[in-house]
């Protein structure tokens, strides 16, 4: 019986401490959404740079032997 009483007191004390401290930080969900957004923007910028580089490379005239 004393173990159950000890666990009950420890649990209620811990819950009271958690309720007293209202600021527990930011949840991980907004952080994950921000990271996902940054990755999406980075992929879009990389794709645009790749497309511009490929377009630039295809516009280079072909080599012709001098006559």
N, C-alpha and C. Protein backbone atom coordinates (compact mmCIF):
# COMPACT_ATOMS: atom_id res chain seq x y z
N UNK A 1 0.82 -1.20 0.00
CA UNK A 1 0.00 0.00 0.00
C UNK A 1 0.86 1.26 0.00
N UNK A 2 2.00 1.24 0.62
CA UNK A 2 2.83 2.43 0.66
C UNK A 2 3.41 2.76 -0.71
N UNK A 3 3.65 1.76 -1.56
CA UNK A 3 4.17 2.01 -2.90
C UNK A 3 3.11 2.73 -3.73
N UNK A 4 1.87 2.30 -3.62
CA UNK A 4 0.79 2.94 -4.36
C UNK A 4 0.61 4.38 -3.87
N UNK A 5 0.68 4.59 -2.58
CA UNK A 5 0.56 5.94 -2.03
C UNK A 5 1.71 6.81 -2.52
N UNK A 6 2.93 6.27 -2.51
CA UNK A 6 4.09 7.02 -2.99
C UNK A 6 3.92 7.40 -4.46
N UNK A 7 3.50 6.46 -5.31
CA UNK A 7 3.31 6.74 -6.73
C UNK A 7 2.22 7.78 -6.94
N UNK A 8 1.15 7.69 -6.13
CA UNK A 8 0.07 8.67 -6.25
C UNK A 8 0.55 10.07 -5.89
N UNK A 9 1.29 10.19 -4.81
CA UNK A 9 1.80 11.48 -4.39
C UNK A 9 2.80 12.02 -5.42
N UNK A 10 3.68 11.17 -5.92
CA UNK A 10 4.66 11.61 -6.91
C UNK A 10 3.96 12.07 -8.19
N UNK A 11 2.95 11.34 -8.64
CA UNK A 11 2.23 11.71 -9.86
C UNK A 11 1.47 13.02 -9.68
N UNK A 12 0.75 13.16 -8.59
CA UNK A 12 -0.01 14.40 -8.38
C UNK A 12 0.92 15.60 -8.20
N UNK A 13 2.07 15.40 -7.57
CA UNK A 13 3.03 16.49 -7.43
C UNK A 13 3.58 16.92 -8.79
N UNK A 14 3.92 15.95 -9.60
CA UNK A 14 4.46 16.25 -10.93
C UNK A 14 3.42 16.94 -11.81
N UNK A 15 2.18 16.48 -11.75
CA UNK A 15 1.12 17.11 -12.53
C UNK A 15 0.87 18.54 -12.06
N UNK A 16 0.95 18.78 -10.77
CA UNK A 16 0.79 20.13 -10.25
C UNK A 16 1.91 21.04 -10.74
N UNK A 17 3.13 20.53 -10.78
CA UNK A 17 4.26 21.31 -11.29
C UNK A 17 4.07 21.64 -12.76
N UNK A 18 3.58 20.67 -13.53
CA UNK A 18 3.37 20.90 -14.96
C UNK A 18 2.27 21.92 -15.19
N UNK A 19 1.22 21.89 -14.39
CA UNK A 19 0.13 22.85 -14.55
C UNK A 19 0.57 24.25 -14.15
N UNK A 20 1.44 24.34 -13.17
CA UNK A 20 1.90 25.65 -12.70
C UNK A 20 2.72 26.36 -13.77
N UNK A 21 3.57 25.62 -14.48
CA UNK A 21 4.42 26.19 -15.52
C UNK A 21 3.67 26.11 -16.85
N UNK A 22 3.00 27.21 -17.21
CA UNK A 22 2.16 27.21 -18.41
C UNK A 22 2.96 27.27 -19.71
N UNK A 23 4.13 27.89 -19.70
CA UNK A 23 4.94 28.01 -20.90
C UNK A 23 5.82 26.78 -21.06
N UNK A 24 5.46 25.95 -22.00
CA UNK A 24 6.19 24.70 -22.22
C UNK A 24 6.94 24.70 -23.55
N UNK A 25 6.98 25.84 -24.23
CA UNK A 25 7.70 25.90 -25.50
C UNK A 25 6.78 25.67 -26.68
N UNK A 26 7.36 25.72 -27.84
CA UNK A 26 6.63 25.56 -29.08
C UNK A 26 6.48 24.09 -29.41
N UNK A 27 5.35 23.74 -30.00
CA UNK A 27 5.16 22.34 -30.39
C UNK A 27 6.00 22.06 -31.65
N UNK A 28 6.32 20.82 -31.92
CA UNK A 28 7.16 20.51 -33.07
C UNK A 28 6.44 20.63 -34.42
N UNK A 29 5.12 20.72 -34.41
CA UNK A 29 4.38 20.78 -35.67
C UNK A 29 4.68 22.05 -36.46
N UNK A 30 4.61 23.26 -35.88
CA UNK A 30 4.94 24.44 -36.67
C UNK A 30 6.39 24.43 -37.17
N UNK A 31 7.28 23.90 -36.37
CA UNK A 31 8.68 23.81 -36.79
C UNK A 31 8.81 22.89 -38.00
N UNK A 32 8.11 21.77 -37.98
CA UNK A 32 8.15 20.84 -39.11
C UNK A 32 7.55 21.47 -40.36
N UNK A 33 6.48 22.25 -40.19
CA UNK A 33 5.86 22.91 -41.34
C UNK A 33 6.81 23.95 -41.94
N UNK A 34 7.49 24.70 -41.08
CA UNK A 34 8.45 25.69 -41.57
C UNK A 34 9.59 25.01 -42.31
N UNK A 35 10.11 23.92 -41.77
CA UNK A 35 11.20 23.19 -42.42
C UNK A 35 10.74 22.65 -43.77
N UNK A 36 9.52 22.09 -43.83
CA UNK A 36 9.00 21.59 -45.09
C UNK A 36 8.88 22.71 -46.12
N UNK A 37 8.43 23.88 -45.68
CA UNK A 37 8.32 25.02 -46.59
C UNK A 37 9.67 25.46 -47.11
N UNK A 38 10.66 25.50 -46.23
CA UNK A 38 12.01 25.89 -46.67
C UNK A 38 12.59 24.87 -47.65
N UNK A 39 12.34 23.60 -47.42
CA UNK A 39 12.81 22.57 -48.35
C UNK A 39 12.13 22.72 -49.70
N UNK A 40 10.83 23.01 -49.69
CA UNK A 40 10.10 23.19 -50.95
C UNK A 40 10.64 24.39 -51.73
N UNK A 41 10.92 25.48 -51.04
CA UNK A 41 11.47 26.67 -51.71
C UNK A 41 12.87 26.37 -52.25
N UNK A 42 13.68 25.65 -51.48
CA UNK A 42 15.02 25.30 -51.94
C UNK A 42 14.96 24.41 -53.17
N UNK A 43 14.02 23.47 -53.20
CA UNK A 43 13.89 22.61 -54.37
C UNK A 43 13.44 23.42 -55.59
N UNK A 44 12.54 24.39 -55.40
CA UNK A 44 12.08 25.21 -56.51
C UNK A 44 13.22 26.08 -57.06
N UNK A 45 14.02 26.65 -56.18
CA UNK A 45 15.15 27.47 -56.63
C UNK A 45 16.17 26.61 -57.36
N UNK A 46 16.43 25.40 -56.85
CA UNK A 46 17.37 24.50 -57.51
C UNK A 46 16.86 24.09 -58.88
N UNK A 47 15.57 23.80 -58.99
CA UNK A 47 14.99 23.42 -60.28
C UNK A 47 15.06 24.59 -61.27
N UNK A 48 14.81 25.81 -60.80
CA UNK A 48 14.89 26.97 -61.69
C UNK A 48 16.32 27.20 -62.15
N UNK A 49 17.28 27.04 -61.26
CA UNK A 49 18.68 27.22 -61.64
C UNK A 49 19.11 26.14 -62.63
N UNK A 50 18.67 24.91 -62.42
CA UNK A 50 18.99 23.82 -63.34
C UNK A 50 18.38 24.07 -64.71
N UNK A 51 17.15 24.53 -64.75
CA UNK A 51 16.50 24.82 -66.03
C UNK A 51 17.22 25.96 -66.75
N UNK A 52 17.61 26.99 -66.02
CA UNK A 52 18.33 28.11 -66.64
C UNK A 52 19.69 27.65 -67.17
N UNK A 53 20.38 26.82 -66.41
CA UNK A 53 21.70 26.33 -66.86
C UNK A 53 21.56 25.43 -68.08
N UNK A 54 20.55 24.57 -68.10
CA UNK A 54 20.35 23.72 -69.27
C UNK A 54 19.98 24.54 -70.50
N UNK A 55 19.16 25.56 -70.33
CA UNK A 55 18.79 26.43 -71.45
C UNK A 55 20.01 27.18 -71.97
N UNK A 56 20.84 27.66 -71.06
CA UNK A 56 22.05 28.38 -71.45
C UNK A 56 23.00 27.45 -72.22
N UNK A 57 23.13 26.20 -71.76
CA UNK A 57 24.02 25.25 -72.42
C UNK A 57 23.51 24.86 -73.81
N UNK A 58 22.20 24.77 -73.99
CA UNK A 58 21.68 24.40 -75.31
C UNK A 58 21.78 25.56 -76.30
N UNK A 59 21.91 26.78 -75.84
CA UNK A 59 22.02 27.94 -76.73
C UNK A 59 23.45 28.21 -77.18
N UNK A 60 24.41 27.46 -76.68
CA UNK A 60 25.80 27.63 -77.12
C UNK A 60 25.92 27.05 -78.53
N UNK A 61 26.47 27.81 -79.49
CA UNK A 61 26.56 27.29 -80.85
C UNK A 61 27.51 26.09 -80.91
N UNK A 62 27.23 25.22 -81.86
CA UNK A 62 28.05 24.00 -82.04
C UNK A 62 29.38 24.39 -82.67
N UNK A 63 30.39 23.58 -82.38
CA UNK A 63 31.72 23.81 -82.93
C UNK A 63 31.74 23.51 -84.42
N UNK A 64 32.35 24.39 -85.19
CA UNK A 64 32.51 24.16 -86.63
C UNK A 64 33.99 24.26 -86.96
N UNK A 65 34.45 23.34 -87.79
CA UNK A 65 35.85 23.38 -88.21
C UNK A 65 36.09 24.60 -89.09
N UNK A 66 37.21 25.28 -88.88
CA UNK A 66 37.51 26.44 -89.73
C UNK A 66 37.85 25.96 -91.15
N UNK A 67 37.55 26.79 -92.16
CA UNK A 67 37.83 26.41 -93.55
C UNK A 67 38.94 27.23 -94.13
